[in-house]
Amino acid sequence: MSSPTLRTVTCKHSDAEKYVVNNMLTPGKDYDVKNETEEFIFIIDNSGKVGGYYKTYFE
């Protein structure tokens, strides 16, 4: 949580094929990016903790 915010992203959907993310992501809500890899983006999710998600959920 002490890491700086890199940027802000907006969730575009929470329709996951394999994992349940609709209780951790809200479509249309902005999230602070804490870290990023080629495939994943790490944000402060609805639980208030840092979580890693596929970049396809965000725009």
Protein backbone atom coordinates (compact mmCIF):
# COMPACT_ATOMS: atom_id res chain seq x y z
CA MET A 1 0.00 0.00 0.00
CA SER A 2 2.93 2.32 0.48
CA SER A 3 3.99 2.05 -3.14
CA PRO A 4 3.25 5.11 -5.26
CA THR A 5 0.28 5.19 -7.62
CA LEU A 6 1.53 4.87 -11.21
CA ARG A 7 -1.70 5.93 -12.92
CA THR A 8 -5.44 5.43 -12.78
CA VAL A 9 -7.43 2.97 -14.89
CA THR A 10 -11.17 2.47 -15.40
CA CYS A 11 -12.76 -0.97 -15.11
CA LYS A 12 -14.68 -1.74 -18.32
CA HIS A 13 -16.21 -5.09 -17.27
CA SER A 14 -16.10 -7.78 -14.59
CA ASP A 15 -17.17 -10.75 -16.71
CA ALA A 16 -14.56 -13.42 -16.01
CA GLU A 17 -14.46 -16.85 -17.60
CA LYS A 18 -12.43 -18.60 -14.94
CA TYR A 19 -12.35 -16.49 -11.75
CA VAL A 20 -14.94 -14.55 -9.74
CA VAL A 21 -14.01 -10.88 -9.96
CA ASN A 22 -17.40 -9.15 -9.95
CA ASN A 23 -17.25 -8.68 -6.17
CA MET A 24 -13.76 -7.09 -6.38
CA LEU A 25 -14.20 -4.90 -9.48
CA THR A 26 -16.98 -2.45 -10.31
CA PRO A 27 -17.46 -1.55 -14.00
CA GLY A 28 -17.08 2.18 -14.56
CA LYS A 29 -15.07 2.73 -11.37
CA ASP A 30 -11.54 4.19 -11.42
CA TYR A 31 -8.75 2.26 -9.69
CA ASP A 32 -5.23 3.31 -8.70
CA VAL A 33 -2.50 1.26 -10.38
CA LYS A 34 0.25 0.16 -7.98
CA ASN A 35 2.25 -2.12 -10.29
CA GLU A 36 2.04 -3.50 -13.81
CA THR A 37 3.46 -6.40 -15.81
CA GLU A 38 3.03 -7.35 -19.43
CA GLU A 39 -0.11 -9.39 -18.70
CA PHE A 40 -1.37 -8.18 -15.31
CA ILE A 41 -2.21 -4.91 -13.63
CA PHE A 42 -2.10 -4.57 -9.83
CA ILE A 43 -4.67 -2.22 -8.32
CA ILE A 44 -6.33 -1.38 -5.02
CA ASP A 45 -9.58 -3.33 -5.53
CA ASN A 46 -12.93 -3.11 -3.75
CA SER A 47 -11.51 -5.00 -0.74
CA GLY A 48 -9.05 -2.16 -0.13
CA LYS A 49 -6.08 -4.44 -0.81
CA VAL A 50 -3.77 -4.77 -3.79
CA GLY A 51 -4.98 -7.39 -6.26
CA GLY A 52 -3.64 -8.53 -9.63
CA TYR A 53 -5.99 -8.70 -12.60
CA TYR A 54 -5.70 -9.30 -16.34
CA LYS A 55 -5.40 -6.05 -18.27
CA THR A 56 -8.51 -6.98 -20.30
CA TYR A 57 -10.73 -5.73 -17.47
CA PHE A 58 -9.47 -2.15 -17.84
CA GLU A 59 -9.24 0.61 -20.41
